[in-house]
Amino acid sequence: MSEKQDPFSAPFGTLFGDHMSVASYVDGVYDYPGAAVPMENFSMHPAAHVLHYASECFEGLKAHRQVDGSVAIFRLQDSVERMLLSIAKLRATPPSAELLSQLIIDATTANASFTPDAPGSLYIRPTFIGTAANIGAAATPSSEAKLYVINSPVGDYFPGGVRPLSIFIETDIPRTTPQFGSVKSGANYVMALGPTLDAKRDHVADQVLFASGDDVTETGASNFFLCDEERLITRNLDDSFLHGITRKSIIQIAHDMGLAVEERSIPVDELKAWSEHGEMFLSGTAAVIAPVGTVMTRGETVQVGDGQPGPTTLKLRNALTDIQTGAAEDKHGWLTPL
């Protein structure tokens, strides 16, 4: 990989492998040639359903360079299961788990040489888009679609690597629509764009933590945790926010470490009080685990602990990345070797 293609200096998600896997979908039936093909642009009709009615969803997972030099995908089947639910939410017919798994494996195998060493990884983006040319189908699922997988060699999601983030707590604007909050759809994510940009401008925040109705949920693209040396606390799951696979992994690792895990509602006042003695962090496929050093509300700024990444946060992060890269035993069968 040349210097201009260095994933540690290029913006996250702007570099790509040279192959992709593509299946076509017509009236609920998928057709996949059975191998990755060279990366190329798609041609779509200007009336394509996705361009008008947001018939689109995606997944995000990673492959990691192992300590022995091989490459393995982290929690493949969990991402497959979640994407099948997302496609069903679009009222399209999902593919079989076996087909989607094969598309992911074929594209990632073809692009495995682009996988950087840790802390870099090969981001995997399966995507479903409605392509039927029909601008009268606002209340109808797309009868045609493409299901495809591309790969992006990446470094750290947040510029500067592992550093304490500042978050602004938004208590008025909801993160997204409750019935679609657990779906990885572009229409879902774009709802957080405006509040996030406003918080970056007005409060110099890295991210917005949405807590409408005094109910802490997630940021624009990450789950949220409180922790200390004894406990891990995070919002209990419902359909209003994303069921993160990194979140699920962290909870299991916390159990393995002997931490007490609480999945429950978190009022804003409890969060602010926690900053006096505990730690906070964000989690996601892209961000992995990102410590929080400052919490802001309208008119108030609170430092979390000493403002630096906490010991439990770093312990959880190191345990997770060690499993992902094969430096620690994969006790739960999370890795799929290529």
Protein backbone atom coordinates (compact mmCIF):
# COMPACT_ATOMS: atom_id res chain seq x y z
CA MET A 1 0.00 0.00 0.00
CA SER A 2 1.47 3.33 -1.09
CA GLU A 3 1.89 6.34 1.19
CA LYS A 4 -1.12 8.12 -0.30
CA GLN A 5 -3.18 5.01 0.54
CA ASP A 6 -2.03 4.82 4.15
CA PRO A 7 -5.18 4.10 6.24
CA PHE A 8 -3.62 5.76 9.28
CA SER A 9 -3.34 9.13 7.55
CA ALA A 10 -6.34 9.03 5.18
CA PRO A 11 -9.78 9.93 6.55
CA PHE A 12 -11.65 6.90 7.89
CA GLY A 13 -13.59 5.10 5.16
CA THR A 14 -12.10 6.86 2.13
CA LEU A 15 -9.85 4.01 0.88
CA PHE A 16 -11.17 0.86 -0.72
CA GLY A 17 -10.16 -2.59 -1.80
CA ASP A 18 -10.18 -3.40 -5.51
CA HIS A 19 -12.89 -6.08 -5.46
CA MET A 20 -16.50 -6.37 -4.33
CA SER A 21 -19.21 -9.01 -4.29
CA VAL A 22 -22.61 -8.24 -5.84
CA ALA A 23 -25.94 -10.07 -5.91
CA SER A 24 -29.02 -8.88 -7.79
CA TYR A 25 -32.54 -9.08 -6.37
CA VAL A 26 -35.76 -9.25 -8.38
CA ASP A 27 -39.15 -9.94 -6.79
CA GLY A 28 -37.63 -11.57 -3.72
CA VAL A 29 -35.14 -13.80 -5.56
CA TYR A 30 -31.38 -13.28 -5.26
CA ASP A 31 -28.87 -14.08 -7.99
CA TYR A 32 -25.18 -14.24 -7.07
CA PRO A 33 -22.49 -15.30 -9.58
CA GLY A 34 -20.49 -16.87 -6.76
CA ALA A 35 -17.29 -14.81 -6.72
CA ALA A 36 -15.98 -11.32 -6.07
CA VAL A 37 -15.59 -9.04 -9.08
CA PRO A 38 -13.41 -5.97 -9.70
CA MET A 39 -14.68 -2.81 -7.98
CA GLU A 40 -16.59 -0.60 -10.38
CA ASN A 41 -19.27 2.07 -10.35
CA PHE A 42 -22.95 1.17 -10.49
CA SER A 43 -25.30 2.58 -13.09
CA MET A 44 -28.80 3.39 -11.79
CA HIS A 45 -31.93 4.90 -13.25
CA PRO A 46 -32.60 8.43 -11.88
CA ALA A 47 -35.93 7.06 -10.61
CA ALA A 48 -34.27 4.30 -8.56
CA HIS A 49 -36.31 3.61 -5.45
CA VAL A 50 -33.37 4.19 -3.08
CA LEU A 51 -32.87 7.74 -4.38
CA HIS A 52 -36.46 8.74 -3.61
CA TYR A 53 -37.73 6.55 -0.80
CA ALA A 54 -34.57 5.55 1.10
CA SER A 55 -34.91 1.80 0.52
CA GLU A 56 -31.41 1.18 1.86
CA CYS A 57 -29.66 -0.48 4.77
CA PHE A 58 -26.15 -1.62 5.55
CA GLU A 59 -23.90 -3.37 8.04
CA GLY A 60 -20.52 -2.57 9.51
CA LEU A 61 -18.03 -5.18 10.67
CA LYS A 62 -14.29 -5.67 10.51
CA ALA A 63 -11.60 -8.14 9.57
CA HIS A 64 -8.38 -7.98 11.58
CA ARG A 65 -4.80 -8.94 10.86
CA GLN A 66 -3.97 -11.71 13.33
CA VAL A 67 -0.73 -11.96 15.28
CA ASP A 68 0.27 -14.88 13.02
CA GLY A 69 -0.25 -12.75 9.88
CA SER A 70 -3.57 -14.28 8.80
CA VAL A 71 -6.87 -12.38 8.58
CA ALA A 72 -10.12 -13.13 10.42
CA ILE A 73 -13.58 -11.51 10.47
CA PHE A 74 -14.95 -10.51 13.89
CA ARG A 75 -18.49 -11.67 14.76
CA LEU A 76 -19.58 -12.37 11.19
CA GLN A 77 -22.79 -14.21 12.02
CA ASP A 78 -23.99 -11.50 14.42
CA SER A 79 -23.71 -8.89 11.67
CA VAL A 80 -25.42 -11.20 9.19
CA GLU A 81 -28.34 -11.73 11.54
CA ARG A 82 -28.70 -8.01 12.17
CA MET A 83 -28.64 -7.13 8.47
CA LEU A 84 -31.32 -9.71 7.69
CA LEU A 85 -33.55 -7.96 10.24
CA SER A 86 -32.77 -4.58 8.64
CA ILE A 87 -33.69 -5.82 5.15
CA ALA A 88 -36.92 -7.24 6.54
CA LYS A 89 -37.69 -3.83 8.09
CA LEU A 90 -37.55 -2.42 4.54
CA ARG A 91 -40.25 -5.01 3.75
CA ALA A 92 -37.96 -6.67 1.25
CA THR A 93 -37.25 -10.40 1.26
CA PRO A 94 -33.97 -11.04 3.09
CA PRO A 95 -31.40 -13.39 1.55
CA SER A 96 -30.42 -16.55 3.36
CA ALA A 97 -27.84 -16.15 6.09
CA GLU A 98 -25.61 -18.46 4.04
CA LEU A 99 -25.75 -16.22 0.96
CA LEU A 100 -25.01 -13.02 2.85
CA SER A 101 -22.16 -14.72 4.72
CA GLN A 102 -20.68 -15.88 1.42
CA LEU A 103 -20.88 -12.41 -0.10
CA ILE A 104 -19.02 -11.01 2.90
CA ILE A 105 -16.39 -13.76 2.91
CA ASP A 106 -15.81 -13.56 -0.86
CA ALA A 107 -15.29 -9.77 -0.90
CA THR A 108 -13.14 -9.78 2.22
CA THR A 109 -11.00 -12.66 0.99
CA ALA A 110 -10.44 -10.87 -2.33
CA ASN A 111 -9.39 -7.71 -0.45
CA ALA A 112 -7.56 -9.38 2.45
CA SER A 113 -4.18 -8.05 1.30
CA PHE A 114 -5.43 -4.52 2.06
CA THR A 115 -5.82 -5.37 5.77
CA PRO A 116 -3.40 -3.20 7.77
CA ASP A 117 -1.68 -4.33 10.94
CA ALA A 118 -3.28 -3.43 14.27
CA PRO A 119 -4.54 -0.99 15.34
CA GLY A 120 -5.79 -0.78 11.76
CA SER A 121 -8.35 -3.16 10.27
CA LEU A 122 -10.34 -3.92 7.13
CA TYR A 123 -13.79 -2.41 7.45
CA ILE A 124 -16.54 -4.45 5.78
CA ARG A 125 -19.65 -2.74 4.42
CA PRO A 126 -22.49 -4.99 3.16
CA THR A 127 -25.20 -2.81 1.60
CA PHE A 128 -28.73 -3.29 0.24
CA ILE A 129 -30.23 -0.67 -2.11
CA GLY A 130 -33.56 -0.62 -3.91
CA THR A 131 -33.04 -0.07 -7.64
CA ALA A 132 -36.54 -0.37 -9.15
CA ALA A 133 -37.30 2.62 -11.40
CA ASN A 134 -40.59 3.68 -9.87
CA ILE A 135 -41.27 7.12 -8.40
CA GLY A 136 -44.84 6.09 -7.61
CA ALA A 137 -43.78 3.45 -5.09
CA ALA A 138 -43.61 5.51 -1.91
CA ALA A 139 -45.77 2.96 -0.10
CA THR A 140 -44.34 -0.11 -1.82
CA PRO A 141 -41.04 -1.94 -1.27
CA SER A 142 -38.57 -1.89 -4.13
CA SER A 143 -39.12 -4.90 -6.37
CA GLU A 144 -35.49 -4.79 -7.52
CA ALA A 145 -32.29 -4.27 -5.55
CA LYS A 146 -28.57 -4.82 -5.31
CA LEU A 147 -26.94 -6.52 -2.34
CA TYR A 148 -23.21 -5.90 -2.34
CA VAL A 149 -20.12 -5.88 -0.12
CA ILE A 150 -17.13 -3.52 -0.27
CA ASN A 151 -14.07 -3.21 1.97
CA SER A 152 -12.13 -0.25 3.33
CA PRO A 153 -8.71 -0.39 5.04
CA VAL A 154 -8.99 1.91 8.06
CA GLY A 155 -7.09 3.30 11.02
CA ASP A 156 -8.71 5.08 13.98
CA TYR A 157 -12.25 6.40 13.60
CA PHE A 158 -11.63 9.47 15.75
CA PRO A 159 -8.64 11.59 14.68
CA GLY A 160 -5.88 11.38 17.25
CA GLY A 161 -6.41 7.73 18.17
CA VAL A 162 -7.41 6.73 21.70
CA ARG A 163 -8.04 10.06 23.40
CA PRO A 164 -10.69 11.40 25.78
CA LEU A 165 -13.70 12.67 23.83
CA SER A 166 -16.04 15.51 24.69
CA ILE A 167 -19.75 14.78 24.35
CA PHE A 168 -22.75 17.10 24.40
CA ILE A 169 -25.94 15.73 25.94
CA GLU A 170 -28.98 16.52 23.80
CA THR A 171 -32.18 16.29 25.86
CA ASP A 172 -34.67 17.87 23.46
CA ILE A 173 -34.13 16.25 20.06
CA PRO A 174 -34.58 12.45 19.75
CA ARG A 175 -31.86 10.39 18.11
CA THR A 176 -34.20 8.97 15.46
CA THR A 177 -37.70 7.52 15.03
CA PRO A 178 -38.36 4.85 17.71
CA GLN A 179 -39.68 2.22 15.28
CA PHE A 180 -36.55 2.42 13.10
CA GLY A 181 -33.83 3.16 15.64
CA SER A 182 -32.39 -0.36 15.62
CA VAL A 183 -31.99 -0.46 11.81
CA LYS A 184 -28.70 0.48 10.15
CA SER A 185 -30.22 2.69 7.49
CA GLY A 186 -28.89 5.91 6.05
CA ALA A 187 -32.22 7.61 6.77
CA ASN A 188 -31.70 6.70 10.42
CA TYR A 189 -28.17 8.08 10.66
CA VAL A 190 -28.85 11.32 8.82
CA MET A 191 -31.33 12.32 11.53
CA ALA A 192 -28.40 12.73 13.95
CA LEU A 193 -26.32 14.77 11.48
CA GLY A 194 -27.76 18.21 12.17
CA PRO A 195 -27.65 18.01 15.99
CA THR A 196 -24.11 16.61 15.84
CA LEU A 197 -22.84 19.38 13.56
CA ASP A 198 -24.56 22.00 15.73
CA ALA A 199 -22.93 20.58 18.88
CA LYS A 200 -19.52 20.57 17.21
CA ARG A 201 -19.99 24.21 16.22
CA ASP A 202 -21.61 25.51 19.40
CA HIS A 203 -19.92 23.37 22.07
CA VAL A 204 -16.77 22.04 20.35
CA ALA A 205 -18.05 18.52 21.08
CA ASP A 206 -16.79 15.35 19.41
CA GLN A 207 -20.19 13.65 19.59
CA VAL A 208 -23.77 14.12 20.79
CA LEU A 209 -25.27 11.78 23.36
CA PHE A 210 -29.02 11.67 22.84
CA ALA A 211 -31.12 11.66 26.01
CA SER A 212 -34.56 12.94 25.06
CA GLY A 213 -37.03 12.58 27.90
CA ASP A 214 -34.10 12.32 30.36
CA ASP A 215 -33.35 8.87 28.90
CA VAL A 216 -29.72 8.33 27.84
CA THR A 217 -29.53 6.11 24.74
CA GLU A 218 -26.65 6.46 22.25
CA THR A 219 -24.66 8.94 20.21
CA GLY A 220 -25.07 9.38 16.46
CA ALA A 221 -23.19 6.15 15.75
CA SER A 222 -22.08 4.59 19.07
CA ASN A 223 -23.49 2.95 22.18
CA PHE A 224 -22.72 4.49 25.58
CA PHE A 225 -21.37 3.00 28.82
CA LEU A 226 -20.63 3.95 32.40
CA CYS A 227 -18.07 1.85 34.28
CA ASP A 228 -15.81 1.66 37.29
CA GLU A 229 -13.70 -1.09 38.83
CA GLU A 230 -16.79 -3.08 39.83
CA ARG A 231 -19.63 -2.26 37.44
CA LEU A 232 -20.56 -1.75 33.80
CA ILE A 233 -23.80 0.12 33.09
CA THR A 234 -25.51 0.68 29.74
CA ARG A 235 -29.02 1.40 28.47
CA ASN A 236 -31.23 -1.67 28.12
CA LEU A 237 -32.11 -2.57 24.56
CA ASP A 238 -35.30 -1.56 22.79
CA ASP A 239 -36.12 -0.58 19.20
CA SER A 240 -35.21 3.09 19.68
CA PHE A 241 -31.45 2.63 19.22
CA LEU A 242 -28.91 0.31 17.64
CA HIS A 243 -28.24 -3.12 19.12
CA GLY A 244 -24.48 -2.82 18.85
CA ILE A 245 -22.40 -5.93 18.30
CA THR A 246 -19.41 -4.24 19.92
CA ARG A 247 -21.76 -3.43 22.82
CA LYS A 248 -22.72 -7.09 23.04
CA SER A 249 -19.05 -8.11 22.99
CA ILE A 250 -18.10 -5.65 25.74
CA ILE A 251 -20.88 -6.93 27.99
CA GLN A 252 -19.61 -10.50 27.57
CA ILE A 253 -16.00 -9.44 28.25
CA ALA A 254 -17.16 -7.56 31.35
CA HIS A 255 -18.89 -10.72 32.60
CA ASP A 256 -15.70 -12.66 31.92
CA MET A 257 -13.75 -10.13 34.00
CA GLY A 258 -16.16 -10.43 36.91
CA LEU A 259 -17.75 -6.99 36.55
CA ALA A 260 -21.39 -6.58 37.56
CA VAL A 261 -23.33 -5.65 34.41
CA GLU A 262 -26.46 -3.50 34.57
CA GLU A 263 -28.63 -2.94 31.49
CA ARG A 264 -31.16 -0.26 32.48
CA SER A 265 -32.26 3.33 32.02
CA ILE A 266 -29.70 6.03 32.84
CA PRO A 267 -31.04 9.48 33.81
CA VAL A 268 -28.89 12.50 32.91
CA ASP A 269 -28.39 13.46 36.56
CA GLU A 270 -26.97 10.00 37.31
CA LEU A 271 -24.60 10.33 34.37
CA LYS A 272 -23.31 13.68 35.61
CA ALA A 273 -22.92 12.37 39.17
CA TRP A 274 -21.03 9.36 37.83
CA SER A 275 -18.39 11.67 36.39
CA GLU A 276 -17.16 12.43 39.92
CA HIS A 277 -15.92 8.90 40.55
CA GLY A 278 -16.36 6.69 37.48
CA GLU A 279 -15.58 6.35 33.77
CA MET A 280 -17.53 6.69 30.53
CA PHE A 281 -16.93 5.48 27.00
CA LEU A 282 -18.52 5.02 23.58
CA SER A 283 -18.48 1.76 21.65
CA GLY A 284 -19.00 0.76 18.04
CA THR A 285 -17.47 -1.21 15.19
CA ALA A 286 -15.68 1.87 13.86
CA ALA A 287 -14.82 3.50 17.19
CA VAL A 288 -14.09 0.21 19.07
CA ILE A 289 -14.01 1.74 22.59
CA ALA A 290 -13.55 5.51 22.83
CA PRO A 291 -13.14 7.06 26.31
CA VAL A 292 -15.13 10.15 27.30
CA GLY A 293 -13.28 12.89 29.19
CA THR A 294 -15.80 15.75 29.19
CA VAL A 295 -19.60 15.92 29.34
CA MET A 296 -21.44 19.09 28.35
CA THR A 297 -25.03 20.21 28.71
CA ARG A 298 -26.51 23.60 27.94
CA GLY A 299 -24.70 25.87 30.37
CA GLU A 300 -22.63 23.21 32.16
CA THR A 301 -19.37 21.36 31.50
CA VAL A 302 -18.36 18.39 33.66
CA GLN A 303 -15.00 16.60 33.60
CA VAL A 304 -15.14 12.82 33.84
CA GLY A 305 -12.71 11.73 36.57
CA ASP A 306 -9.34 13.27 35.80
CA GLY A 307 -10.36 13.82 32.18
CA GLN A 308 -8.18 10.97 30.90
CA PRO A 309 -9.05 7.42 29.71
CA GLY A 310 -9.91 5.37 32.79
CA PRO A 311 -8.25 2.06 33.76
CA THR A 312 -11.39 -0.09 33.35
CA THR A 313 -12.13 1.48 29.96
CA LEU A 314 -8.62 0.69 28.74
CA LYS A 315 -8.74 -2.80 30.24
CA LEU A 316 -11.96 -3.58 28.35
CA ARG A 317 -10.58 -2.05 25.15
CA ASN A 318 -7.36 -4.04 25.32
CA ALA A 319 -9.25 -7.26 26.05
CA LEU A 320 -11.51 -6.70 23.04
CA THR A 321 -8.73 -5.82 20.60
CA ASP A 322 -6.61 -8.75 21.81
CA ILE A 323 -9.44 -11.14 20.91
CA GLN A 324 -9.99 -9.43 17.56
CA THR A 325 -6.31 -9.79 16.59
CA GLY A 326 -5.75 -13.29 17.97
CA ALA A 327 -3.48 -12.09 20.77
CA ALA A 328 -5.91 -13.60 23.30
CA GLU A 329 -7.94 -16.81 23.22
CA ASP A 330 -11.21 -16.61 21.28
CA LYS A 331 -13.28 -18.31 24.00
CA HIS A 332 -16.63 -17.45 22.45
CA GLY A 333 -15.96 -18.36 18.81
CA TRP A 334 -16.16 -14.79 17.54
CA LEU A 335 -13.54 -15.06 14.77
CA THR A 336 -14.07 -16.43 11.28
CA PRO A 337 -10.65 -17.12 9.69
CA LEU A 338 -10.30 -16.44 5.96
